[in-house]
Amino acid sequence: MKGCVVDASVAAKWYFPEEHSDIALRLMPTGQEDGFEVVAPELIVYEMGSLVLKKLRVGDVGISAANSILKRFLSLPLRMVASAKLAQAALDLGYVLRLSYYDAWYLAAAVDLGRVLVTADREVVALTRGTPFADSVRVLPEFDL
C-alpha cells in the first residue's frame, strides 16, 4: 500500500489556516483513500494536544473550538505507530542528523515503514539533505500524491 507519514506541522494545517493548508488538507485521512494510507507515530497526539492548548492560551481559539479540534483530530482514521517501537531509532537518527527527538521520531516511522515523511518544517528537510535519509523526507509543497 502507498502512503506517507505526516508530522504535527502538517496535521496542524488541517485545523488552522496557514500557508499550504490547502495542500495539507489533501493528506488529511478521511477513510475514503483508495490504496493510500496516512500514518504517524503516536507522538502526534501529544504534539497536536500541545498545539491546540497553546492556541487556546493565546486566544486564537476558544475552549469549545479547542475541544472540537482535538475531538475531530482523534477521530481521524490516521494509523498510529506505537511510539515505544520507534524510541531507539529516533534517538539514533536524532543524534546522527542533529534533529530534535520529536522530529527524529517521525523520520524513524517513515524509515521503518518504507514511506516518505511529509513535513512543513524546512529545517528537517535541510538536516537530512545529503544524507542517506534525504529521500525519506519531503517538504509539504513538494510532496506529490
Foldseek 3Di string as FASTA:
>chain_A
DAEAEEALQLVVLCQDPDPCSVLSVVRFADPPDDPYAYEYAPVRLVVLLVVLVVCCVVVVDDPVSSVVSSVVVVPGPYHHDYQVVQQVQLVVCCVVLVNPSRLSSRLSVLVVVVHAYEHCDVVSLVSCPPHPSNVRYDYRVPDDD
